[in-house]
Amino acid sequence: MTNQQGADTTSRDASVESLPLPSSPNRWARPPARSSRALLALAWDDIHRFLADRTDLTRRTPGFAAFYEALGEVERERVERLWAVVRAIEHGGAVAAAQEAESLLRRMPDEDDGDGAAAVRTFAEALLGRIHKRSGSGGNLYLGARPPGAQLRAFELLRLRTPFIPFGYAAANRALLEAVREPGEVTLLDVGIGRGGQVRALLRNPWARRLIRSLHVIGVEPDSSPDTGGALQTAQVNVLAAAHEAGIPATFAGIGKLAEQVTLADLAAARPRGLLLASGSLSLHHIGLPEHGAPRGRDQVLETIRAAGFRWIVLLEPDTNHDEDDLPLRFLYAYRHYGTLARSLHAALRSSDAFLVWSEFFGAEIRNVIAHDGALRAERHEEAERWVERLEAAGFVIDTPTELVAPSAAPAGFEVVHTGRAATLRYDGVSLLAVLRARAS
């Protein structure tokens, strides 16, 4: 082991031995004193038992446990320490959990080291925030975001230097355009339109100019301020300008509401016409839960879209499960997802740019996923297969085209995999994003 690794191992002796670790899947007890490596092995065994008991809950994510089996030695030991913190929190050992999380943080290098340092540091901070009930990042992160300076720079890096935004926009827009079987008038309902980036990309596609004779965009976006200009007003300006440049006659109707607040009357008032298409990109996982005060849940939002006459719907969503209420299982899903994201960012970007994207987007998401529960946890991602189930229950039939993005388009380390139900973007074998299309039955 290197000196850094040796320091990590030595530092665990005092802090880890103070943590109670499970001696069986269903019993929590303090083991006799032993070396930190033995205690960490016990934590690793507990992860194995935990996952073995919950295969029914991870069935929508094939190969879930394989991610943890493939971790290198240093990252595995760090994850074991995080797991011990999670288990201590679960069973009321907040003091010992905080001590271990703080000890782990002190031993993390300032920059990512290829062994999960960036992700481990952020998770340890999120767990401390949960313990001390002082974490920010509660609620909808993008409604409460600060002025888009650094965040806009980070988004541009995602858009220009990584495959995430290009894959999402290209796959989702191709799925939309393939639903336009002949040239004509099209209405596009964009749920969570933001500043209109995806629609602008759609209008730059040569297919759009051939297939769309006129376009009516219905933008749903809660960041709306008619007087001072919110994201919805910016989207209207951007979309109409892009349509003018493409030579496509276009109109825009804005609905300044959360998706769960939109009613059939709202959609009718926006005057949809022609072929009705709907899109939700990285937005539907923000829909709240009725038990936490939301007027409608995800199933009801999808049912409303279908009842309004929209013929096809295309979704772009992270392919992971952070809707789970059980903290240990949610942690394992989150570390698999965000740990993979961190590696992919450092592979695609220089270190300073990867840090900017990580801190502006994904760090805050981790704090939301791990430190919060109830209505404050807005980053409630679900697996692609769960969205398939929701769409089918709402009266849609999955008909994702067989090839939305050419597999050869993915840069090193990434791959595009078409599962038959969705197109997924993967890194190191872990599915990070999924695009799927469904038509009204």
Protein backbone atom coordinates (compact mmCIF):
# COMPACT_ATOMS: atom_id res chain seq x y z
CA MET A 1 0.00 0.00 0.00
CA THR A 2 1.11 3.57 -0.60
CA ASN A 3 1.78 5.94 2.28
CA GLN A 4 -1.64 7.55 1.76
CA GLN A 5 -3.35 4.19 1.89
CA GLY A 6 -1.37 3.22 4.94
CA ALA A 7 -2.43 6.41 6.69
CA ASP A 8 -6.05 5.60 5.92
CA THR A 9 -5.72 2.14 7.43
CA THR A 10 -4.02 3.36 10.59
CA SER A 11 -6.56 6.11 11.17
CA ARG A 12 -9.40 3.60 11.19
CA ASP A 13 -8.21 1.75 14.28
CA ALA A 14 -9.62 4.14 16.87
CA SER A 15 -12.69 5.45 15.08
CA VAL A 16 -14.08 2.31 13.45
CA GLU A 17 -13.76 0.19 16.59
CA SER A 18 -16.12 2.60 18.33
CA LEU A 19 -18.88 1.80 15.84
CA PRO A 20 -21.37 -0.99 16.46
CA LEU A 21 -21.54 -3.25 13.42
CA PRO A 22 -24.24 -5.81 12.63
CA SER A 23 -23.36 -9.40 13.47
CA SER A 24 -26.34 -10.73 11.52
CA PRO A 25 -28.79 -9.27 8.98
CA ASN A 26 -31.41 -8.78 11.68
CA ARG A 27 -29.42 -8.04 14.85
CA TRP A 28 -27.39 -4.96 15.85
CA ALA A 29 -24.77 -5.59 18.50
CA ARG A 30 -21.36 -4.27 19.53
CA PRO A 31 -18.70 -6.83 18.57
CA PRO A 32 -15.64 -7.50 20.69
CA ALA A 33 -12.61 -5.29 20.08
CA ARG A 34 -10.69 -6.28 16.98
CA SER A 35 -8.55 -4.74 14.25
CA SER A 36 -10.07 -2.13 11.98
CA ARG A 37 -9.53 -4.39 8.98
CA ALA A 38 -11.58 -7.14 10.63
CA LEU A 39 -14.33 -4.65 11.45
CA LEU A 40 -14.37 -3.40 7.88
CA ALA A 41 -14.61 -6.97 6.61
CA LEU A 42 -17.64 -7.35 8.86
CA ALA A 43 -19.13 -4.21 7.29
CA TRP A 44 -18.49 -5.65 3.82
CA ASP A 45 -20.15 -8.91 4.80
CA ASP A 46 -23.11 -6.88 6.04
CA ILE A 47 -23.43 -5.18 2.64
CA HIS A 48 -23.50 -8.62 0.99
CA ARG A 49 -26.17 -9.90 3.37
CA PHE A 50 -28.18 -6.71 3.03
CA LEU A 51 -28.25 -6.94 -0.77
CA ALA A 52 -28.94 -10.68 -0.74
CA ASP A 53 -32.03 -10.03 1.37
CA ARG A 54 -33.29 -7.33 -1.00
CA THR A 55 -32.90 -8.75 -4.48
CA ASP A 56 -36.60 -8.14 -5.07
CA LEU A 57 -36.06 -4.42 -4.45
CA THR A 58 -33.06 -4.20 -6.83
CA ARG A 59 -34.60 -6.36 -9.58
CA ARG A 60 -35.00 -3.38 -11.92
CA THR A 61 -31.22 -2.84 -11.85
CA PRO A 62 -29.51 -5.99 -13.19
CA GLY A 63 -26.03 -6.55 -11.80
CA PHE A 64 -26.55 -4.14 -8.92
CA ALA A 65 -24.21 -5.96 -6.50
CA ALA A 66 -21.55 -6.38 -9.22
CA PHE A 67 -20.70 -2.68 -8.92
CA TYR A 68 -19.57 -3.15 -5.33
CA GLU A 69 -17.72 -6.36 -6.13
CA ALA A 70 -15.66 -4.48 -8.73
CA LEU A 71 -14.47 -1.69 -6.41
CA GLY A 72 -10.74 -1.38 -5.85
CA GLU A 73 -9.30 -2.01 -2.38
CA VAL A 74 -8.96 1.61 -1.31
CA GLU A 75 -12.40 2.67 -2.51
CA ARG A 76 -13.96 -0.43 -1.02
CA GLU A 77 -12.53 0.40 2.42
CA ARG A 78 -13.88 3.93 2.16
CA VAL A 79 -17.31 2.65 1.19
CA GLU A 80 -17.21 0.24 4.12
CA ARG A 81 -16.66 3.18 6.44
CA LEU A 82 -19.55 5.09 4.89
CA TRP A 83 -21.70 2.00 5.26
CA ALA A 84 -20.82 1.73 8.93
CA VAL A 85 -21.92 5.36 9.36
CA VAL A 86 -25.21 4.68 7.56
CA ARG A 87 -25.92 1.61 9.70
CA ALA A 88 -25.08 3.49 12.90
CA ILE A 89 -27.49 6.29 11.92
CA GLU A 90 -30.15 3.70 11.18
CA HIS A 91 -29.84 2.23 14.66
CA GLY A 92 -29.51 5.42 16.67
CA GLY A 93 -25.73 5.61 17.01
CA ALA A 94 -25.49 9.24 15.91
CA VAL A 95 -22.46 10.17 18.04
CA ALA A 96 -20.29 7.30 16.83
CA ALA A 97 -21.55 7.82 13.26
CA ALA A 98 -20.56 11.49 13.33
CA GLN A 99 -17.11 10.68 14.71
CA GLU A 100 -16.47 8.14 11.98
CA ALA A 101 -17.73 10.43 9.22
CA GLU A 102 -15.52 13.28 10.49
CA SER A 103 -12.52 10.95 10.72
CA LEU A 104 -13.11 9.79 7.17
CA LEU A 105 -13.38 13.36 5.93
CA ARG A 106 -10.04 14.31 7.53
CA ARG A 107 -8.32 11.50 5.65
CA MET A 108 -9.70 12.37 2.22
CA PRO A 109 -7.31 14.08 -0.22
CA ASP A 110 -8.32 17.52 -1.48
CA GLU A 111 -8.69 16.29 -5.06
CA ASP A 112 -10.06 13.12 -6.56
CA ASP A 113 -7.47 10.34 -6.55
CA GLY A 114 -9.11 7.69 -8.70
CA ASP A 115 -10.34 5.79 -5.64
CA GLY A 116 -13.62 7.60 -5.13
CA ALA A 117 -12.28 10.48 -3.01
CA ALA A 118 -14.62 13.11 -4.49
CA ALA A 119 -17.71 10.98 -4.03
CA VAL A 120 -16.70 9.68 -0.58
CA ARG A 121 -16.04 13.20 0.69
CA THR A 122 -19.44 14.43 -0.53
CA PHE A 123 -21.28 11.45 0.95
CA ALA A 124 -19.54 11.86 4.29
CA GLU A 125 -20.52 15.54 4.34
CA ALA A 126 -24.11 14.65 3.46
CA LEU A 127 -24.28 12.07 6.25
CA LEU A 128 -22.92 14.60 8.73
CA GLY A 129 -25.55 17.06 7.55
CA ARG A 130 -28.20 14.42 8.17
CA ILE A 131 -26.88 13.68 11.67
CA HIS A 132 -26.64 17.32 12.72
CA LYS A 133 -29.81 18.36 10.81
CA ARG A 134 -28.00 21.30 9.30
CA SER A 135 -27.69 20.33 5.66
CA GLY A 136 -28.82 22.73 2.97
CA SER A 137 -29.94 21.39 -0.41
CA GLY A 138 -33.47 20.63 0.74
CA GLY A 139 -36.39 20.97 -1.67
CA ASN A 140 -36.15 21.66 -5.40
CA LEU A 141 -32.50 22.55 -6.00
CA TYR A 142 -33.11 24.32 -9.28
CA LEU A 143 -35.88 26.59 -8.08
CA GLY A 144 -33.66 27.75 -5.23
CA ALA A 145 -30.47 28.00 -7.26
CA ARG A 146 -28.30 31.07 -7.05
CA PRO A 147 -27.88 33.27 -10.17
CA PRO A 148 -26.61 31.15 -13.06
CA GLY A 149 -22.95 32.13 -13.14
CA ALA A 150 -20.88 29.12 -12.12
CA GLN A 151 -23.89 26.85 -12.61
CA LEU A 152 -24.30 28.00 -16.21
CA ARG A 153 -20.57 27.44 -16.82
CA ALA A 154 -20.91 23.94 -15.36
CA PHE A 155 -23.92 23.20 -17.58
CA GLU A 156 -21.98 24.33 -20.64
CA LEU A 157 -19.19 21.92 -19.71
CA LEU A 158 -21.75 19.13 -19.42
CA ARG A 159 -23.23 20.12 -22.78
CA LEU A 160 -20.01 20.57 -24.72
CA ARG A 161 -17.41 18.30 -23.07
CA THR A 162 -19.33 15.27 -21.83
CA PRO A 163 -21.83 12.95 -23.55
CA PHE A 164 -24.61 13.46 -20.97
CA ILE A 165 -26.55 16.40 -22.43
CA PRO A 166 -25.75 15.55 -26.09
CA PHE A 167 -26.94 11.96 -25.56
CA GLY A 168 -30.11 13.08 -23.76
CA TYR A 169 -31.07 15.76 -26.26
CA ALA A 170 -30.17 13.69 -29.34
CA ALA A 171 -31.96 10.53 -28.19
CA ALA A 172 -35.06 12.29 -26.87
CA ASN A 173 -35.41 14.54 -29.92
CA ARG A 174 -34.95 11.70 -32.35
CA ALA A 175 -37.64 9.74 -30.48
CA LEU A 176 -39.96 12.75 -30.82
CA LEU A 177 -39.24 13.29 -34.51
CA GLU A 178 -39.70 9.60 -35.35
CA ALA A 179 -43.24 9.95 -34.01
CA VAL A 180 -43.98 12.57 -36.71
CA ARG A 181 -44.87 10.20 -39.53
CA GLU A 182 -45.70 12.88 -42.11
CA PRO A 183 -45.17 16.65 -42.40
CA GLY A 184 -47.72 18.69 -40.51
CA GLU A 185 -48.63 20.81 -37.52
CA VAL A 186 -47.12 19.70 -34.19
CA THR A 187 -47.77 20.65 -30.58
CA LEU A 188 -44.95 19.85 -28.14
CA LEU A 189 -45.70 19.82 -24.42
CA ASP A 190 -42.35 20.23 -22.63
CA VAL A 191 -42.72 19.47 -18.92
CA GLY A 192 -39.91 21.24 -17.11
CA ILE A 193 -38.81 23.23 -20.14
CA GLY A 194 -36.21 25.23 -18.22
CA ARG A 195 -34.69 27.76 -20.62
CA GLY A 196 -35.71 25.79 -23.68
CA GLY A 197 -32.43 24.05 -24.45
CA GLN A 198 -33.89 20.78 -25.69
CA VAL A 199 -36.46 22.45 -27.96
CA ARG A 200 -33.75 24.65 -29.44
CA ALA A 201 -31.71 21.51 -30.19
CA LEU A 202 -34.80 19.94 -31.75
CA LEU A 203 -35.31 22.91 -34.04
CA ARG A 204 -31.70 22.68 -35.24
CA ASN A 205 -32.26 19.11 -36.41
CA PRO A 206 -32.68 18.94 -40.22
CA TRP A 207 -35.52 16.43 -39.73
CA ALA A 208 -37.49 19.07 -37.85
CA ARG A 209 -37.37 21.42 -40.82
CA ARG A 210 -38.70 18.69 -43.11
CA LEU A 211 -41.39 17.29 -40.80
CA ILE A 212 -42.72 20.23 -38.77
CA ARG A 213 -44.80 22.63 -40.84
CA SER A 214 -45.69 24.69 -37.74
CA LEU A 215 -44.88 24.22 -34.07
CA HIS A 216 -46.85 25.12 -30.97
CA VAL A 217 -44.81 24.72 -27.77
CA ILE A 218 -46.51 24.40 -24.39
CA GLY A 219 -43.85 24.99 -21.78
CA VAL A 220 -44.43 23.90 -18.18
CA GLU A 221 -41.96 25.52 -15.82
CA PRO A 222 -42.41 26.73 -12.21
CA ASP A 223 -39.55 29.25 -12.52
CA SER A 224 -41.78 31.93 -14.01
CA SER A 225 -41.71 35.67 -13.50
CA PRO A 226 -43.55 37.69 -16.15
CA ASP A 227 -42.29 40.99 -14.71
CA THR A 228 -38.60 40.25 -14.16
CA GLY A 229 -38.12 37.27 -16.49
CA GLY A 230 -37.87 33.72 -15.18
CA ALA A 231 -36.74 30.55 -16.93
CA LEU A 232 -40.17 30.18 -18.59
CA GLN A 233 -39.98 33.65 -20.15
CA THR A 234 -36.40 32.97 -21.26
CA ALA A 235 -37.55 29.71 -22.84
CA GLN A 236 -40.20 31.53 -24.85
CA VAL A 237 -37.65 33.98 -26.25
CA ASN A 238 -35.14 31.21 -27.00
CA VAL A 239 -37.65 28.86 -28.63
CA LEU A 240 -39.24 31.49 -30.87
CA ALA A 241 -35.80 32.73 -31.94
CA ALA A 242 -34.66 29.20 -32.78
CA ALA A 243 -37.87 28.54 -34.72
CA HIS A 244 -37.41 31.76 -36.70
CA GLU A 245 -33.84 30.74 -37.54
CA ALA A 246 -35.07 27.32 -38.68
CA GLY A 247 -37.83 28.85 -40.79
CA ILE A 248 -40.59 27.08 -38.84
CA PRO A 249 -43.66 29.12 -37.84
CA ALA A 250 -44.00 28.78 -34.07
CA THR A 251 -46.13 29.89 -31.15
CA PHE A 252 -45.55 29.48 -27.42
CA ALA A 253 -47.88 29.03 -24.44
CA GLY A 254 -46.37 29.04 -20.97
CA ILE A 255 -47.77 27.36 -17.87
CA GLY A 256 -45.95 28.69 -14.83
CA LYS A 257 -46.62 25.76 -12.52
CA LEU A 258 -45.07 22.63 -11.08
CA ALA A 259 -45.92 19.56 -13.15
CA GLU A 260 -48.12 18.16 -10.39
CA GLN A 261 -50.19 21.36 -10.38
CA VAL A 262 -51.06 21.26 -14.08
CA THR A 263 -54.68 20.35 -14.82
CA LEU A 264 -56.58 19.30 -17.91
CA ALA A 265 -58.07 22.81 -17.99
CA ASP A 266 -54.54 24.31 -18.06
CA LEU A 267 -53.60 22.14 -21.02
CA ALA A 268 -56.84 22.89 -22.87
CA ALA A 269 -56.31 26.64 -22.33
CA ALA A 270 -52.89 26.32 -23.98
CA ARG A 271 -54.74 25.28 -27.18
CA PRO A 272 -52.90 22.14 -28.34
CA ARG A 273 -53.44 21.30 -32.02
CA GLY A 274 -52.14 19.01 -34.72
CA LEU A 275 -50.06 16.02 -33.66
CA LEU A 276 -49.68 16.16 -29.87
CA LEU A 277 -46.28 15.15 -28.47
CA ALA A 278 -45.06 15.40 -24.86
CA SER A 279 -41.56 15.45 -23.42
CA GLY A 280 -40.12 15.41 -19.92
CA SER A 281 -36.34 15.69 -19.64
CA LEU A 282 -34.76 15.34 -16.20
CA SER A 283 -37.91 16.80 -14.68
CA LEU A 284 -40.53 14.22 -13.77
CA HIS A 285 -38.47 12.83 -10.88
CA HIS A 286 -39.07 16.19 -9.15
CA ILE A 287 -42.81 15.53 -8.93
CA GLY A 288 -43.71 15.43 -5.26
CA LEU A 289 -45.68 12.79 -3.40
CA PRO A 290 -49.33 13.32 -2.38
CA GLU A 291 -48.47 12.15 1.15
CA HIS A 292 -46.03 15.06 1.33
CA GLY A 293 -48.52 17.64 0.09
CA ALA A 294 -48.31 17.38 -3.70
CA PRO A 295 -51.74 17.75 -5.38
CA ARG A 296 -50.94 14.86 -7.76
CA GLY A 297 -48.39 12.10 -8.00
CA ARG A 298 -46.40 10.89 -11.00
CA ASP A 299 -49.03 8.43 -12.12
CA GLN A 300 -51.69 11.14 -12.09
CA VAL A 301 -49.47 13.55 -14.05
CA LEU A 302 -48.94 10.91 -16.75
CA GLU A 303 -52.67 10.15 -16.78
CA THR A 304 -53.44 13.87 -17.24
CA ILE A 305 -51.08 14.09 -20.22
CA ARG A 306 -52.76 11.08 -21.82
CA ALA A 307 -56.27 12.36 -21.07
CA ALA A 308 -55.38 15.68 -22.74
CA GLY A 309 -54.88 13.80 -26.00
CA PHE A 310 -51.10 13.66 -26.26
CA ARG A 311 -50.28 10.80 -28.58
CA TRP A 312 -46.64 10.17 -27.67
CA ILE A 313 -44.49 10.94 -24.65
CA VAL A 314 -40.70 10.82 -24.39
CA LEU A 315 -38.90 10.72 -21.04
CA LEU A 316 -35.23 11.33 -20.23
CA GLU A 317 -34.41 10.30 -16.66
CA PRO A 318 -31.47 9.15 -14.51
CA ASP A 319 -31.53 5.35 -14.29
CA THR A 320 -31.30 4.81 -10.52
CA ASN A 321 -33.52 4.62 -7.45
CA HIS A 322 -33.42 7.53 -5.00
CA ASP A 323 -37.14 7.40 -4.33
CA GLU A 324 -36.51 4.59 -1.84
CA ASP A 325 -37.27 5.56 1.77
CA ASP A 326 -34.94 2.99 3.35
CA LEU A 327 -31.70 4.93 3.96
CA PRO A 328 -29.21 2.02 3.60
CA LEU A 329 -30.68 0.89 0.27
CA ARG A 330 -30.92 4.48 -0.95
CA PHE A 331 -27.28 5.01 0.01
CA LEU A 332 -26.17 1.97 -2.01
CA TYR A 333 -28.11 3.15 -5.05
CA ALA A 334 -26.78 6.68 -4.66
CA TYR A 335 -23.12 5.70 -4.26
CA ARG A 336 -23.34 3.41 -7.30
CA HIS A 337 -24.85 6.22 -9.38
CA TYR A 338 -22.86 9.23 -8.20
CA GLY A 339 -19.62 7.34 -7.69
CA THR A 340 -19.81 6.31 -11.34
CA LEU A 341 -20.70 9.87 -12.37
CA ALA A 342 -17.64 11.20 -10.52
CA ARG A 343 -15.34 8.79 -12.33
CA SER A 344 -16.88 9.64 -15.68
CA LEU A 345 -16.45 13.39 -15.10
CA HIS A 346 -12.78 13.03 -14.23
CA ALA A 347 -12.28 10.84 -17.30
CA ALA A 348 -13.97 13.35 -19.63
CA LEU A 349 -12.85 16.69 -18.15
CA ARG A 350 -9.72 18.23 -16.73
CA SER A 351 -9.62 18.20 -12.94
CA SER A 352 -10.76 21.80 -12.33
CA ASP A 353 -13.69 21.49 -14.72
CA ALA A 354 -14.74 18.14 -13.24
CA PHE A 355 -14.71 19.71 -9.77
CA LEU A 356 -16.88 22.61 -10.98
CA VAL A 357 -19.50 20.32 -12.54
CA TRP A 358 -19.45 18.03 -9.50
CA SER A 359 -19.88 20.83 -6.98
CA GLU A 360 -22.48 22.82 -8.95
CA PHE A 361 -24.73 19.89 -9.83
CA PHE A 362 -24.08 16.53 -8.28
CA GLY A 363 -22.80 17.46 -4.83
CA ALA A 364 -26.03 19.28 -4.05
CA GLU A 365 -28.05 16.35 -5.39
CA ILE A 366 -26.23 13.92 -3.09
CA ARG A 367 -26.97 16.11 -0.08
CA ASN A 368 -30.63 16.19 -1.10
CA VAL A 369 -30.79 12.41 -1.58
CA ILE A 370 -28.90 11.44 1.58
CA ALA A 371 -29.52 14.18 4.15
CA HIS A 372 -33.24 14.72 3.63
CA ASP A 373 -36.51 12.83 3.85
CA GLY A 374 -40.14 13.71 3.24
CA ALA A 375 -41.04 16.75 1.15
CA LEU A 376 -37.49 18.15 1.34
CA ARG A 377 -36.14 15.23 -0.71
CA ALA A 378 -36.92 16.35 -4.25
CA GLU A 379 -34.27 14.34 -6.13
CA ARG A 380 -36.40 11.20 -6.28
CA HIS A 381 -34.97 9.41 -9.31
CA GLU A 382 -36.40 6.06 -10.38
CA GLU A 383 -35.10 3.27 -12.59
CA ALA A 384 -36.04 3.19 -16.27
CA GLU A 385 -38.07 0.03 -15.67
CA ARG A 386 -40.07 1.78 -12.97
CA TRP A 387 -40.95 4.55 -15.45
CA VAL A 388 -42.00 1.84 -17.90
CA GLU A 389 -44.37 0.48 -15.26
CA ARG A 390 -45.78 3.93 -14.55
CA LEU A 391 -46.34 4.71 -18.24
CA GLU A 392 -48.10 1.40 -18.84
CA ALA A 393 -50.31 1.93 -15.79
CA ALA A 394 -51.26 5.38 -17.19
CA GLY A 395 -52.46 3.87 -20.47
CA PHE A 396 -49.34 4.12 -22.64
CA VAL A 397 -47.54 1.40 -24.60
CA ILE A 398 -43.73 1.48 -24.70
CA ASP A 399 -42.48 1.87 -28.26
CA THR A 400 -38.94 3.22 -27.94
CA PRO A 401 -37.23 3.09 -31.35
CA THR A 402 -34.57 0.42 -31.62
CA GLU A 403 -31.69 2.82 -32.28
CA LEU A 404 -31.88 6.43 -31.10
CA VAL A 405 -28.14 7.09 -30.89
CA ALA A 406 -25.45 5.15 -32.71
CA PRO A 407 -23.39 3.11 -30.20
CA SER A 408 -20.20 4.30 -31.90
CA ALA A 409 -20.99 7.87 -30.86
CA ALA A 410 -20.04 7.23 -27.23
CA PRO A 411 -16.56 8.39 -26.10
CA ALA A 412 -14.10 6.08 -24.32
CA GLY A 413 -15.53 4.47 -21.21
CA PHE A 414 -19.11 5.26 -22.21
CA GLU A 415 -21.45 3.09 -24.22
CA VAL A 416 -24.95 3.45 -25.58
CA VAL A 417 -27.07 0.35 -24.96
CA HIS A 418 -30.55 -0.19 -26.36
CA THR A 419 -32.40 -2.55 -24.05
CA GLY A 420 -35.53 -2.95 -26.16
CA ARG A 421 -37.45 -0.72 -23.74
CA ALA A 422 -35.05 2.22 -23.46
CA ALA A 423 -31.85 3.71 -24.82
CA THR A 424 -29.31 4.00 -21.99
CA LEU A 425 -26.02 5.80 -21.57
CA ARG A 426 -23.60 3.77 -19.46
CA TYR A 427 -20.17 4.27 -17.97
CA ASP A 428 -18.13 1.27 -16.81
CA GLY A 429 -21.24 -0.84 -17.30
CA VAL A 430 -23.45 1.29 -15.00
CA SER A 431 -26.54 2.80 -16.64
CA LEU A 432 -26.68 6.51 -15.80
CA LEU A 433 -29.35 7.95 -18.13
CA ALA A 434 -32.27 6.41 -19.98
CA VAL A 435 -34.54 7.65 -22.77
CA LEU A 436 -37.83 5.91 -23.46
CA ARG A 437 -40.86 6.64 -25.61
CA ALA A 438 -44.45 5.53 -25.21
CA ARG A 439 -47.63 6.02 -27.24
CA ALA A 440 -51.17 6.29 -25.98
CA SER A 441 -52.88 2.93 -26.29
